[in-house]
């Protein structure tokens, strides 16, 4: 992966510890999976993923505090709370899909059912990959580290397209 190595000493410059702090255990991922499947209420999370009440309450609180879920009292019953994915939470979808695909390949050895498909043509999605700015699929040998000051900026259109996809998902 190139000559320049990522500094492994300074974790303050790396987003991985931050992501793991917010998500780094099984129940958080299972709650997120349920949220992506439209589950929004405490009792429904409890039923759907068979989690202990205290663990669920703790994880929902942590996910809300970290800005991944938004906690809102229901208008019809103020005692009932609704949890919805925020934009920050929706940005975890590729991560969730990549982890699921990895687990299917290296854990269970079989594709999960139901299969995640493109709503437009009902065809299965492709494996999550690392892509270059011009959409080429990259392997680990195609990557290298560079100082950010040495990188030429690319068009904001790449990021705008990503943001459009996130906005469409937030309607779920």
Protein backbone atom coordinates (compact mmCIF):
# COMPACT_ATOMS: atom_id res chain seq x y z
CA UNK A 1 0.00 0.00 0.00
CA UNK A 2 2.53 2.60 -1.06
CA UNK A 3 5.53 4.06 0.75
CA UNK A 4 3.83 6.42 3.18
CA UNK A 5 2.17 4.54 6.03
CA UNK A 6 -0.76 5.67 8.07
CA UNK A 7 0.37 6.71 11.53
CA UNK A 8 -0.78 3.94 13.82
CA UNK A 9 0.21 5.80 16.98
CA UNK A 10 -2.04 8.85 16.73
CA UNK A 11 -5.61 7.57 16.94
CA UNK A 12 -7.02 11.10 17.22
CA UNK A 13 -6.43 11.49 13.48
CA UNK A 14 -8.29 8.27 12.64
CA UNK A 15 -12.07 7.93 12.34
CA UNK A 16 -12.07 4.19 13.10
CA UNK A 17 -11.91 4.51 16.92
CA UNK A 18 -14.72 7.07 16.81
CA UNK A 19 -16.88 4.73 14.71
CA UNK A 20 -16.13 1.77 16.96
CA UNK A 21 -16.94 3.82 20.06
CA UNK A 22 -20.38 4.60 18.65
CA UNK A 23 -21.08 1.19 17.11
CA UNK A 24 -18.50 -1.28 18.35
CA UNK A 25 -20.65 -4.08 19.70
CA UNK A 26 -23.21 -6.59 18.47
CA UNK A 27 -26.43 -5.13 19.92
CA UNK A 28 -25.85 -1.69 18.43
CA UNK A 29 -25.53 -3.27 15.00
CA UNK A 30 -28.67 -5.35 15.54
CA UNK A 31 -30.62 -2.24 16.62
CA UNK A 32 -29.33 -0.38 13.58
CA UNK A 33 -30.33 -3.31 11.35
CA UNK A 34 -33.83 -3.18 12.83
CA UNK A 35 -33.98 0.60 12.34
CA UNK A 36 -33.03 0.18 8.67
CA UNK A 37 -35.93 -2.30 8.47
CA UNK A 38 -38.42 0.27 9.74
CA UNK A 39 -38.54 -0.57 13.45
CA UNK A 40 -39.05 2.65 15.44
CA UNK A 41 -40.49 1.88 18.89
CA UNK A 42 -38.85 0.43 22.01
CA UNK A 43 -41.30 -2.46 22.35
CA UNK A 44 -40.90 -3.37 18.66
CA UNK A 45 -37.08 -3.43 18.97
CA UNK A 46 -37.51 -5.59 22.06
CA UNK A 47 -39.73 -8.09 20.24
CA UNK A 48 -37.95 -8.14 16.89
CA UNK A 49 -34.37 -8.65 18.09
CA UNK A 50 -34.95 -10.47 21.41
CA UNK A 51 -32.79 -8.16 23.47
CA UNK A 52 -32.97 -7.54 27.22
CA UNK A 53 -34.77 -4.32 28.22
CA UNK A 54 -31.79 -2.82 30.05
CA UNK A 55 -29.39 -3.49 27.18
CA UNK A 56 -31.85 -2.06 24.64
CA UNK A 57 -32.42 1.07 26.73
CA UNK A 58 -28.66 1.55 27.11
CA UNK A 59 -27.90 1.05 23.40
CA UNK A 60 -30.77 3.26 22.20
CA UNK A 61 -29.55 5.96 24.55
CA UNK A 62 -25.97 5.67 23.25
CA UNK A 63 -27.08 5.65 19.61
CA UNK A 64 -29.24 8.72 20.24
CA UNK A 65 -26.47 10.56 22.14
CA UNK A 66 -24.03 9.88 19.31
CA UNK A 67 -26.49 11.31 16.75
CA UNK A 68 -27.15 8.04 14.91
CA UNK A 69 -30.78 7.82 16.02
CA UNK A 70 -33.15 10.69 16.73
CA UNK A 71 -35.45 10.17 19.71
CA UNK A 72 -38.87 11.84 19.49
CA UNK A 73 -41.98 11.47 21.67
CA UNK A 74 -44.94 10.21 19.59
CA UNK A 75 -47.53 12.94 19.01
CA UNK A 76 -50.49 10.64 19.76
CA UNK A 77 -48.99 9.19 22.97
CA UNK A 78 -46.27 11.28 24.66
CA UNK A 79 -45.26 8.27 26.78
CA UNK A 80 -44.25 6.38 23.61
CA UNK A 81 -40.98 7.29 21.90
CA UNK A 82 -40.02 6.91 18.26
CA UNK A 83 -36.42 6.31 17.14
CA UNK A 84 -35.51 7.27 13.58
CA UNK A 85 -32.21 7.11 11.76
CA UNK A 86 -30.55 10.50 11.31
CA UNK A 87 -28.49 11.43 8.27
CA UNK A 88 -25.47 10.29 10.28
CA UNK A 89 -27.22 6.96 10.91
CA UNK A 90 -28.23 6.57 7.26
CA UNK A 91 -24.58 7.02 6.30
CA UNK A 92 -23.90 3.70 8.07
CA UNK A 93 -25.89 1.75 5.45
CA UNK A 94 -22.88 0.91 3.25
CA UNK A 95 -21.01 -0.24 6.37
CA UNK A 96 -23.93 -2.43 7.44
CA UNK A 97 -24.24 -3.96 3.97
CA UNK A 98 -20.47 -4.53 3.73
CA UNK A 99 -20.41 -6.27 7.13
CA UNK A 100 -23.40 -8.42 6.19
CA UNK A 101 -21.78 -9.42 2.89
CA UNK A 102 -18.52 -10.21 4.69
CA UNK A 103 -20.42 -12.35 7.22
CA UNK A 104 -22.21 -14.20 4.43
CA UNK A 105 -18.91 -14.91 2.66
CA UNK A 106 -16.69 -15.74 5.64
CA UNK A 107 -19.18 -16.63 8.40
CA UNK A 108 -22.34 -18.35 7.26
CA UNK A 109 -21.04 -19.23 3.80
CA UNK A 110 -24.44 -18.58 2.23
CA UNK A 111 -26.31 -15.46 1.09
CA UNK A 112 -28.93 -14.17 3.50
CA UNK A 113 -32.60 -14.38 2.69
CA UNK A 114 -34.33 -12.08 1.93
CA UNK A 115 -31.91 -10.63 -0.59
CA UNK A 116 -31.32 -6.87 -0.77
CA UNK A 117 -32.27 -5.66 -4.25
CA UNK A 118 -32.44 -2.43 -6.22
CA UNK A 119 -36.02 -1.13 -5.96
CA UNK A 120 -35.94 0.03 -9.60
CA UNK A 121 -35.36 -3.36 -11.25
CA UNK A 122 -35.52 -5.84 -8.32
CA UNK A 123 -32.04 -7.15 -9.07
CA UNK A 124 -29.63 -8.03 -6.22
CA UNK A 125 -27.16 -5.32 -5.24
CA UNK A 126 -23.49 -5.85 -6.05
CA UNK A 127 -20.90 -6.47 -3.36
CA UNK A 128 -19.78 -3.33 -1.58
CA UNK A 129 -16.41 -2.31 -2.96
CA UNK A 130 -13.81 0.40 -2.65
CA UNK A 131 -14.13 2.73 -5.61
CA UNK A 132 -11.94 5.45 -7.03
CA UNK A 133 -13.21 8.94 -7.74
CA UNK A 134 -13.95 7.82 -11.32
CA UNK A 135 -15.84 4.69 -10.14
CA UNK A 136 -13.14 2.08 -10.79
CA UNK A 137 -13.20 -0.85 -8.34
CA UNK A 138 -9.99 -0.85 -6.30
CA UNK A 139 -8.22 -3.67 -4.49
CA UNK A 140 -5.84 -3.27 -1.57
CA UNK A 141 -2.84 -3.17 -3.92
CA UNK A 142 -4.34 -0.14 -5.70
CA UNK A 143 -4.27 1.98 -2.54
CA UNK A 144 -1.64 4.19 -0.94
CA UNK A 145 -1.54 6.83 1.78
CA UNK A 146 -0.84 10.48 0.93
CA UNK A 147 -0.62 13.65 2.94
CA UNK A 148 -3.91 15.54 2.50
CA UNK A 149 -2.05 18.70 1.43
CA UNK A 150 -0.70 16.83 -1.62
CA UNK A 151 -4.09 15.69 -2.92
CA UNK A 152 -5.73 17.59 -5.77
CA UNK A 153 -9.37 18.41 -5.03
CA UNK A 154 -12.04 16.59 -7.03
CA UNK A 155 -15.40 17.85 -8.13
CA UNK A 156 -18.04 18.32 -5.48
CA UNK A 157 -20.44 16.48 -7.84
CA UNK A 158 -19.18 13.14 -6.46
CA UNK A 159 -20.18 14.18 -2.94
CA UNK A 160 -23.46 15.78 -4.10
CA UNK A 161 -24.50 12.49 -5.74
CA UNK A 162 -23.81 10.67 -2.45
CA UNK A 163 -25.85 13.24 -0.50
CA UNK A 164 -28.78 12.83 -2.92
CA UNK A 165 -28.81 9.07 -2.27
CA UNK A 166 -28.77 9.68 1.49
CA UNK A 167 -31.72 12.08 1.24
CA UNK A 168 -33.75 9.49 -0.70
CA UNK A 169 -33.03 6.87 1.98
CA UNK A 170 -34.11 9.21 4.77
CA UNK A 171 -37.66 9.05 3.45
CA UNK A 172 -37.77 5.38 4.56
